[in-house]
N, C-alpha and C. Protein backbone atom coordinates (compact mmCIF):
# COMPACT_ATOMS: atom_id res chain seq x y z
N MET A 1 22.10 -12.46 -22.99
CA MET A 1 20.97 -11.45 -22.02
C MET A 1 21.45 -9.92 -22.35
N VAL A 2 20.48 -9.52 -22.68
CA VAL A 2 21.13 -7.59 -22.07
C VAL A 2 20.28 -6.76 -21.03
N LYS A 3 20.65 -6.45 -20.02
CA LYS A 3 20.22 -6.27 -19.20
C LYS A 3 19.93 -4.40 -18.59
N TRP A 4 18.94 -4.30 -17.84
CA TRP A 4 19.10 -2.50 -17.30
C TRP A 4 18.56 -2.59 -16.90
N LYS A 5 18.81 -1.12 -15.60
CA LYS A 5 18.48 -0.74 -14.66
C LYS A 5 18.75 0.61 -14.28
N GLU A 6 17.64 1.43 -14.61
CA GLU A 6 18.08 3.38 -14.34
C GLU A 6 17.07 4.09 -13.14
N GLU A 7 17.75 5.18 -12.58
CA GLU A 7 16.69 5.49 -11.96
C GLU A 7 17.34 7.23 -11.85
N MET A 8 15.65 8.01 -11.73
CA MET A 8 16.44 9.09 -11.86
C MET A 8 14.52 9.40 -11.08
N VAL A 9 14.86 10.54 -10.28
CA VAL A 9 14.01 11.25 -9.54
C VAL A 9 12.35 12.44 -10.68
N ILE A 10 11.73 12.51 -10.39
CA ILE A 10 10.84 13.45 -11.41
C ILE A 10 10.34 14.09 -10.81
N GLU A 11 9.75 15.80 -11.00
CA GLU A 11 9.53 16.81 -9.60
C GLU A 11 8.12 16.75 -10.22
N ALA A 12 7.26 15.67 -9.91
CA ALA A 12 6.13 15.93 -10.07
C ALA A 12 5.12 14.56 -8.86
N ASP A 13 3.78 14.64 -8.99
CA ASP A 13 3.32 14.10 -7.88
C ASP A 13 2.77 11.77 -8.61
N ILE A 14 3.04 11.27 -7.39
CA ILE A 14 3.59 10.33 -8.24
C ILE A 14 1.77 9.77 -8.35
N GLU A 15 0.98 10.21 -8.40
CA GLU A 15 -0.59 9.92 -9.13
C GLU A 15 -0.42 9.88 -10.81
N LYS A 16 0.03 11.87 -11.18
CA LYS A 16 0.22 11.98 -12.07
C LYS A 16 1.28 11.09 -12.81
N VAL A 17 2.70 10.99 -12.24
CA VAL A 17 3.81 10.16 -13.12
C VAL A 17 2.75 8.88 -13.50
N TRP A 18 2.25 8.48 -12.56
CA TRP A 18 1.10 7.20 -12.87
C TRP A 18 0.23 7.20 -13.79
N SER A 19 -0.28 8.36 -13.99
CA SER A 19 -1.12 8.03 -15.11
C SER A 19 -0.60 8.43 -16.58
N LEU A 20 0.49 8.15 -16.42
CA LEU A 20 1.03 7.63 -18.18
C LEU A 20 1.98 6.69 -18.30
N PHE A 21 1.51 5.47 -17.30
CA PHE A 21 1.34 4.19 -17.57
C PHE A 21 0.31 3.60 -17.83
N ARG A 22 -0.82 4.48 -17.92
CA ARG A 22 -2.13 3.41 -17.90
C ARG A 22 -1.87 3.63 -19.06
N ASP A 23 -2.56 2.02 -19.05
CA ASP A 23 -2.41 1.95 -20.67
C ASP A 23 -3.65 2.00 -21.88
N ASP A 24 -4.29 3.49 -21.62
CA ASP A 24 -4.22 4.55 -22.94
C ASP A 24 -3.78 5.85 -22.75
N ASN A 25 -2.65 5.39 -22.38
CA ASN A 25 -1.64 6.77 -22.42
C ASN A 25 -0.59 6.11 -22.72
N VAL A 26 -0.41 4.66 -23.73
CA VAL A 26 1.04 4.07 -23.59
C VAL A 26 1.33 5.23 -25.04
N LYS A 27 0.62 5.43 -25.38
CA LYS A 27 1.18 6.54 -26.84
C LYS A 27 2.22 7.73 -26.00
N LYS A 28 1.11 8.44 -25.88
CA LYS A 28 2.49 9.40 -25.23
C LYS A 28 3.84 9.14 -24.51
N LEU A 29 4.22 7.94 -24.42
CA LEU A 29 4.98 7.56 -23.88
C LEU A 29 6.39 6.73 -24.80
N MET A 30 5.25 6.03 -25.51
CA MET A 30 5.96 5.14 -26.79
C MET A 30 5.08 5.70 -28.44
N PRO A 31 5.69 6.54 -28.65
CA PRO A 31 5.24 7.20 -30.10
C PRO A 31 4.81 6.26 -30.68
N LYS A 32 6.18 5.63 -30.98
CA LYS A 32 5.66 4.94 -32.20
C LYS A 32 4.75 3.69 -32.37
N VAL A 33 4.07 2.93 -31.57
CA VAL A 33 3.03 2.32 -30.90
C VAL A 33 1.82 2.91 -32.01
N GLU A 34 1.49 2.36 -32.37
CA GLU A 34 -0.06 2.95 -33.24
C GLU A 34 -0.97 2.14 -33.23
N GLU A 35 -1.12 0.87 -32.25
CA GLU A 35 -2.08 0.74 -31.56
C GLU A 35 -1.71 -0.32 -30.84
N HIS A 36 -3.24 -0.26 -29.58
CA HIS A 36 -2.77 -1.05 -28.05
C HIS A 36 -4.36 -1.18 -27.35
N ILE A 37 -4.55 -2.84 -27.94
CA ILE A 37 -6.01 -3.17 -28.12
C ILE A 37 -5.97 -4.42 -26.80
N LEU A 38 -6.98 -3.78 -26.38
CA LEU A 38 -7.30 -4.96 -24.86
C LEU A 38 -7.65 -6.00 -25.86
N LEU A 39 -7.17 -7.20 -25.56
CA LEU A 39 -7.65 -8.88 -25.76
C LEU A 39 -7.65 -9.57 -24.36
N GLU A 40 -7.45 -9.33 -23.70
CA GLU A 40 -8.20 -10.30 -22.51
C GLU A 40 -7.85 -9.03 -21.09
N ASN A 41 -8.63 -9.94 -19.94
CA ASN A 41 -8.60 -9.56 -18.92
C ASN A 41 -9.27 -7.84 -18.66
N ASP A 42 -8.82 -6.95 -17.96
CA ASP A 42 -9.08 -5.57 -17.71
C ASP A 42 -7.36 -4.78 -18.50
N ASN A 43 -7.91 -3.30 -18.49
CA ASN A 43 -7.15 -2.72 -18.63
C ASN A 43 -6.08 -2.67 -17.37
N ASP A 44 -4.77 -2.02 -17.42
CA ASP A 44 -4.44 -1.73 -16.00
C ASP A 44 -4.82 -2.76 -14.89
N GLN A 45 -4.53 -3.63 -14.91
CA GLN A 45 -4.72 -5.10 -14.16
C GLN A 45 -3.61 -5.99 -14.07
N PHE A 46 -3.53 -6.76 -13.29
CA PHE A 46 -2.15 -8.21 -13.92
C PHE A 46 -2.85 -9.12 -15.08
N GLY A 47 -2.38 -9.38 -15.55
CA GLY A 47 -3.07 -10.27 -16.35
C GLY A 47 -3.68 -9.39 -18.03
N ALA A 48 -3.60 -8.63 -17.76
CA ALA A 48 -4.23 -7.76 -19.34
C ALA A 48 -3.29 -8.67 -19.90
N LYS A 49 -3.84 -8.78 -21.14
CA LYS A 49 -3.15 -8.60 -22.74
C LYS A 49 -3.73 -7.49 -23.96
N HIS A 50 -2.35 -7.40 -24.43
CA HIS A 50 -2.61 -6.14 -25.38
C HIS A 50 -1.87 -6.59 -26.69
N ALA A 51 -2.65 -6.64 -27.97
CA ALA A 51 -2.04 -6.90 -29.11
C ALA A 51 -1.12 -4.85 -29.45
N GLN A 52 -0.47 -5.17 -29.48
CA GLN A 52 0.25 -3.58 -29.52
C GLN A 52 1.28 -3.86 -31.32
N SER A 53 0.58 -3.34 -31.38
CA SER A 53 1.21 -2.75 -32.91
C SER A 53 2.16 -1.69 -33.07
N TYR A 54 3.49 -1.19 -34.12
CA TYR A 54 4.17 -0.01 -33.65
C TYR A 54 5.37 -0.53 -35.51
N HIS A 55 5.43 0.82 -35.77
CA HIS A 55 6.34 0.42 -36.72
C HIS A 55 7.65 0.28 -36.09
N GLU A 56 8.70 -0.59 -37.16
CA GLU A 56 9.85 -0.98 -37.01
C GLU A 56 10.07 -0.34 -38.48
N GLY A 57 10.81 0.35 -38.54
CA GLY A 57 11.38 0.91 -39.61
C GLY A 57 9.77 1.50 -41.46
N ASN A 58 9.45 0.78 -42.33
CA ASN A 58 8.29 0.49 -42.97
C ASN A 58 7.99 -0.71 -42.63
N GLN A 59 8.29 -1.55 -41.68
CA GLN A 59 7.16 -2.73 -41.08
C GLN A 59 6.47 -2.49 -40.25
N LEU A 60 5.29 -2.72 -39.45
CA LEU A 60 4.23 -2.67 -39.11
C LEU A 60 4.12 -3.74 -38.33
N GLN A 61 5.06 -3.54 -36.65
CA GLN A 61 4.93 -5.43 -36.40
C GLN A 61 3.88 -5.30 -35.17
N THR A 62 3.47 -6.85 -34.74
CA THR A 62 2.51 -6.31 -33.95
C THR A 62 3.15 -7.67 -32.98
N TYR A 63 2.83 -7.45 -31.27
CA TYR A 63 3.71 -8.17 -30.25
C TYR A 63 2.18 -8.23 -29.31
N ILE A 64 2.16 -9.29 -28.59
CA ILE A 64 1.19 -9.47 -27.65
C ILE A 64 1.98 -9.49 -25.96
N VAL A 65 1.81 -8.67 -25.35
CA VAL A 65 2.43 -7.74 -25.19
C VAL A 65 1.17 -8.20 -23.37
N GLU A 66 1.51 -9.06 -22.21
CA GLU A 66 1.05 -8.74 -21.46
C GLU A 66 2.02 -8.17 -20.14
N THR A 67 0.81 -8.06 -19.10
CA THR A 67 0.77 -7.27 -17.41
C THR A 67 1.13 -8.14 -16.86
N VAL A 68 2.51 -8.17 -16.66
CA VAL A 68 3.09 -9.68 -15.45
C VAL A 68 2.92 -9.24 -13.72
N GLY A 69 2.81 -8.14 -13.93
CA GLY A 69 3.32 -7.47 -12.57
C GLY A 69 2.40 -6.10 -12.25
N TYR A 70 1.42 -5.92 -11.04
CA TYR A 70 0.90 -4.75 -11.21
C TYR A 70 0.52 -4.46 -9.56
N GLU A 71 0.90 -3.32 -9.30
CA GLU A 71 0.74 -2.89 -7.74
C GLU A 71 0.36 -1.37 -7.74
N ASP A 72 -0.20 -1.43 -6.89
CA ASP A 72 -0.89 0.39 -6.77
C ASP A 72 -1.20 1.47 -5.43
N THR A 73 -0.52 1.15 -4.63
CA THR A 73 -0.31 1.92 -3.35
C THR A 73 0.31 3.29 -3.59
N PRO A 74 -0.45 3.26 -2.45
CA PRO A 74 0.09 5.41 -2.69
C PRO A 74 0.90 5.76 -2.34
N ASP A 75 2.12 5.19 -2.35
CA ASP A 75 3.37 5.28 -1.81
C ASP A 75 4.10 4.80 -3.12
N LYS A 76 3.63 3.42 -3.38
CA LYS A 76 4.79 2.85 -4.32
C LYS A 76 3.24 1.84 -6.08
N LYS A 77 4.14 2.31 -7.05
CA LYS A 77 3.25 1.58 -8.28
C LYS A 77 4.44 1.14 -8.94
N ARG A 78 3.42 -0.34 -9.16
CA ARG A 78 4.48 -0.80 -10.25
C ARG A 78 3.76 -2.02 -11.37
N LYS A 79 4.44 -1.64 -12.67
CA LYS A 79 3.85 -2.12 -13.93
C LYS A 79 5.02 -2.74 -14.65
N GLN A 80 4.67 -4.55 -14.58
CA GLN A 80 5.42 -5.15 -14.99
C GLN A 80 4.75 -6.05 -17.09
N THR A 81 5.44 -5.67 -17.52
CA THR A 81 5.12 -6.45 -19.06
C THR A 81 6.18 -7.62 -19.58
N GLN A 82 6.23 -7.96 -20.27
CA GLN A 82 6.67 -8.96 -21.26
C GLN A 82 5.85 -9.22 -22.31
N PHE A 83 6.68 -9.82 -23.31
CA PHE A 83 6.65 -9.96 -24.59
C PHE A 83 7.43 -10.88 -25.43
N GLU A 84 7.20 -11.33 -26.39
CA GLU A 84 8.01 -12.36 -27.69
C GLU A 84 8.05 -11.17 -29.04
N MET A 85 9.18 -10.94 -29.11
CA MET A 85 9.68 -9.78 -29.96
C MET A 85 9.89 -10.98 -31.63
N GLY A 86 8.35 -10.94 -32.16
CA GLY A 86 8.80 -12.28 -33.11
C GLY A 86 9.88 -13.83 -32.72
N GLN A 87 10.52 -13.76 -33.48
CA GLN A 87 10.70 -15.36 -32.73
C GLN A 87 12.56 -15.28 -31.78
N SER A 88 12.59 -13.70 -32.03
CA SER A 88 14.18 -13.99 -31.87
C SER A 88 14.44 -13.54 -30.89
N PHE A 89 13.25 -12.90 -29.58
CA PHE A 89 13.53 -11.90 -28.47
C PHE A 89 12.72 -11.73 -27.28
N ASP A 90 12.78 -12.58 -25.79
CA ASP A 90 12.15 -12.35 -25.38
C ASP A 90 12.30 -10.86 -24.62
N VAL A 91 11.10 -10.16 -24.06
CA VAL A 91 11.49 -8.59 -23.72
C VAL A 91 10.21 -8.77 -22.55
N PHE A 92 11.29 -8.05 -21.29
CA PHE A 92 10.66 -7.14 -20.14
C PHE A 92 10.73 -6.46 -19.42
N TYR A 93 9.73 -5.33 -19.29
CA TYR A 93 10.01 -4.44 -18.84
C TYR A 93 8.84 -4.12 -17.39
N SER A 94 9.72 -3.48 -16.38
CA SER A 94 9.82 -2.83 -15.02
C SER A 94 9.70 -1.56 -14.81
N PHE A 95 8.53 -0.40 -15.08
CA PHE A 95 8.11 0.46 -13.97
C PHE A 95 8.12 1.19 -12.77
N THR A 96 8.82 1.24 -11.64
CA THR A 96 8.06 1.05 -10.85
C THR A 96 8.14 2.88 -10.48
N LEU A 97 7.52 3.41 -9.44
CA LEU A 97 7.34 4.53 -8.50
C LEU A 97 7.51 4.59 -7.33
N LEU A 98 7.83 5.45 -7.09
CA LEU A 98 8.31 5.47 -5.29
C LEU A 98 7.99 6.65 -4.67
N LYS A 99 7.01 6.76 -4.13
CA LYS A 99 6.07 8.11 -3.44
C LYS A 99 8.31 9.20 -2.67
N ASP A 100 8.82 10.22 -3.30
CA ASP A 100 9.46 10.58 -2.68
C ASP A 100 9.00 11.72 -2.49
N GLY A 101 8.09 12.76 -1.22
CA GLY A 101 7.47 13.50 -1.22
C GLY A 101 6.84 13.98 -1.76
N GLU A 102 5.82 15.45 -1.37
CA GLU A 102 4.34 16.05 -2.21
C GLU A 102 4.46 15.84 -3.28
N ASN A 103 5.68 16.22 -3.87
CA ASN A 103 5.47 16.42 -5.35
C ASN A 103 7.34 15.91 -6.26
N ARG A 104 6.98 14.82 -5.77
CA ARG A 104 9.17 14.26 -6.00
C ARG A 104 8.58 12.91 -5.98
N THR A 105 8.81 12.36 -7.07
CA THR A 105 8.63 10.70 -7.37
C THR A 105 10.10 9.96 -7.77
N LYS A 106 10.50 9.27 -6.97
CA LYS A 106 11.48 8.37 -7.71
C LYS A 106 11.38 7.06 -8.96
N PHE A 107 11.67 7.20 -10.23
CA PHE A 107 11.65 6.41 -11.44
C PHE A 107 11.90 4.77 -11.81
N ILE A 108 12.23 4.44 -11.39
CA ILE A 108 12.85 2.88 -11.17
C ILE A 108 12.56 2.55 -13.49
N TYR A 109 12.96 2.28 -14.03
CA TYR A 109 12.85 1.65 -15.24
C TYR A 109 14.15 0.31 -15.43
N GLU A 110 13.84 -0.68 -15.50
CA GLU A 110 14.30 -1.42 -15.95
C GLU A 110 14.17 -2.91 -16.39
N GLY A 111 15.11 -3.65 -17.39
CA GLY A 111 14.62 -4.43 -17.74
C GLY A 111 15.62 -5.56 -18.59
N SER A 112 15.07 -6.34 -19.42
CA SER A 112 15.50 -7.68 -20.47
C SER A 112 15.07 -7.23 -21.51
N ASN A 113 16.19 -8.05 -21.47
CA ASN A 113 15.87 -8.46 -23.60
C ASN A 113 16.65 -10.26 -23.98
N LYS A 114 16.06 -10.66 -24.13
CA LYS A 114 17.46 -12.15 -24.08
C LYS A 114 16.88 -12.64 -25.56
N GLY A 115 17.90 -13.43 -26.19
CA GLY A 115 17.83 -13.60 -27.15
C GLY A 115 17.49 -15.00 -27.42
N LYS A 116 16.57 -15.25 -28.58
CA LYS A 116 16.05 -16.89 -28.38
C LYS A 116 17.13 -17.58 -30.29
N GLY A 117 17.32 -18.26 -29.41
CA GLY A 117 18.41 -18.79 -30.61
C GLY A 117 19.66 -18.03 -30.98
N LEU A 118 19.70 -19.01 -31.54
CA LEU A 118 21.03 -18.71 -32.57
C LEU A 118 20.82 -16.41 -32.54
N MET A 119 19.90 -17.27 -34.01
CA MET A 119 19.82 -15.54 -34.53
C MET A 119 19.97 -14.33 -32.89
N GLY A 120 18.86 -14.46 -33.03
CA GLY A 120 18.39 -13.77 -31.76
C GLY A 120 19.45 -13.22 -30.72
N LYS A 121 21.11 -14.51 -30.17
CA LYS A 121 21.91 -13.63 -29.38
C LYS A 121 22.37 -12.72 -29.82
N ALA A 122 22.97 -13.95 -31.20
CA ALA A 122 24.10 -13.18 -31.93
C ALA A 122 23.35 -11.33 -32.50
N MET A 123 22.26 -11.05 -32.62
CA MET A 123 21.98 -9.78 -32.47
C MET A 123 21.90 -9.09 -31.29
N LEU A 124 21.79 -9.63 -30.40
CA LEU A 124 22.99 -8.41 -29.50
C LEU A 124 23.38 -8.72 -28.96
N LEU A 125 24.18 -9.85 -29.13
CA LEU A 125 26.43 -9.24 -29.23
C LEU A 125 26.48 -8.36 -30.53
N THR A 126 26.12 -8.55 -31.28
CA THR A 126 26.45 -7.07 -32.19
C THR A 126 26.13 -5.59 -32.20
N GLY A 127 25.11 -5.59 -30.79
CA GLY A 127 24.13 -4.11 -31.20
C GLY A 127 25.29 -3.58 -30.57
N SER A 128 25.32 -2.33 -29.95
CA SER A 128 25.83 -1.78 -29.68
C SER A 128 24.86 -1.57 -27.99
N LYS A 129 26.05 -1.22 -27.38
CA LYS A 129 25.65 -1.02 -25.60
C LYS A 129 25.59 0.44 -25.43
N LYS A 130 25.75 1.83 -26.63
CA LYS A 130 25.54 2.85 -26.36
C LYS A 130 25.03 3.01 -26.85
N THR A 131 24.04 2.28 -27.18
CA THR A 131 23.31 2.94 -28.63
C THR A 131 22.17 2.47 -27.69
N ARG A 132 21.81 1.18 -26.78
CA ARG A 132 21.19 0.38 -26.15
C ARG A 132 20.71 1.62 -24.98
N GLN A 133 21.98 2.23 -24.54
CA GLN A 133 22.01 3.09 -23.34
C GLN A 133 21.18 3.98 -23.47
N GLN A 134 20.97 4.65 -24.89
CA GLN A 134 20.94 5.80 -24.88
C GLN A 134 18.87 5.86 -25.20
N THR A 135 18.82 4.72 -25.25
CA THR A 135 17.39 4.70 -25.94
C THR A 135 16.73 4.52 -24.94
N VAL A 136 17.70 3.59 -23.24
CA VAL A 136 16.66 3.97 -21.84
C VAL A 136 17.07 5.08 -21.35
N GLN A 137 17.79 6.03 -21.79
CA GLN A 137 17.67 7.56 -21.36
C GLN A 137 16.86 8.10 -22.35
N THR A 138 16.41 7.80 -23.55
CA THR A 138 15.21 8.58 -24.67
C THR A 138 14.14 8.31 -23.84
N PHE A 139 14.14 6.92 -23.21
CA PHE A 139 12.17 6.98 -22.49
C PHE A 139 12.52 7.73 -21.00
N MET A 140 13.02 7.87 -20.09
CA MET A 140 13.13 8.49 -19.15
C MET A 140 12.63 9.46 -19.09
N GLU A 141 13.54 10.29 -20.52
CA GLU A 141 13.49 11.44 -20.43
C GLU A 141 12.14 11.95 -21.16
N ARG A 142 11.63 11.42 -21.95
CA ARG A 142 10.20 11.38 -21.94
C ARG A 142 9.27 11.22 -20.85
N VAL A 143 9.44 10.04 -20.06
CA VAL A 143 8.76 9.90 -19.34
C VAL A 143 8.90 11.49 -18.56
N ARG A 144 9.58 12.15 -18.19
CA ARG A 144 9.85 13.37 -17.13
C ARG A 144 9.32 14.75 -17.54
N GLU A 145 8.95 15.11 -18.57
CA GLU A 145 8.67 15.18 -20.04
C GLU A 145 7.45 15.30 -19.53
N GLU A 146 6.97 14.33 -19.80
CA GLU A 146 5.53 14.42 -19.91
C GLU A 146 4.70 14.52 -18.44
N ALA A 147 5.47 14.12 -18.01
CA ALA A 147 4.85 14.14 -16.19
C ALA A 147 5.14 15.48 -15.74
N LEU A 148 6.11 16.20 -16.31
CA LEU A 148 5.68 18.48 -15.91
C LEU A 148 5.14 18.58 -17.38
N LYS A 149 4.23 17.75 -17.98
CA LYS A 149 3.15 18.20 -18.65
C LYS A 149 2.13 18.80 -17.44
N LEU A 150 1.88 17.64 -16.78
CA LEU A 150 0.92 17.47 -16.41
C LEU A 150 0.07 18.41 -15.35
């Protein structure tokens, strides 16, 4: 299993940063996403399920992404999602925002990628730790850049 947890402070109001994590804004933070279609329950709620399609190389992949945690208070925001990537991985993401003053937000991004079966576990073992870390950092920088545009 691969796990990560990174933090950064963003010089923006928590509500502005939080708006980026709304289901209707998913493409701003994840540009490879082609579609994010609600299947069950309501957007931006615990239990929401979406069919999310994105390009991986030349292939269009579709996964069912479920919101498994959701908190929205004035000082703390959290959205947690999980999905099964093919039959190879179980993926979990958690985005937490903490109010750190009027125009400062602490952003915590954590998650895990668990290999399923021999193939998935082998793929995780052979993957580059540096590449995984770069992917996390690139995502966090995208969140910061988008928040500063608001």
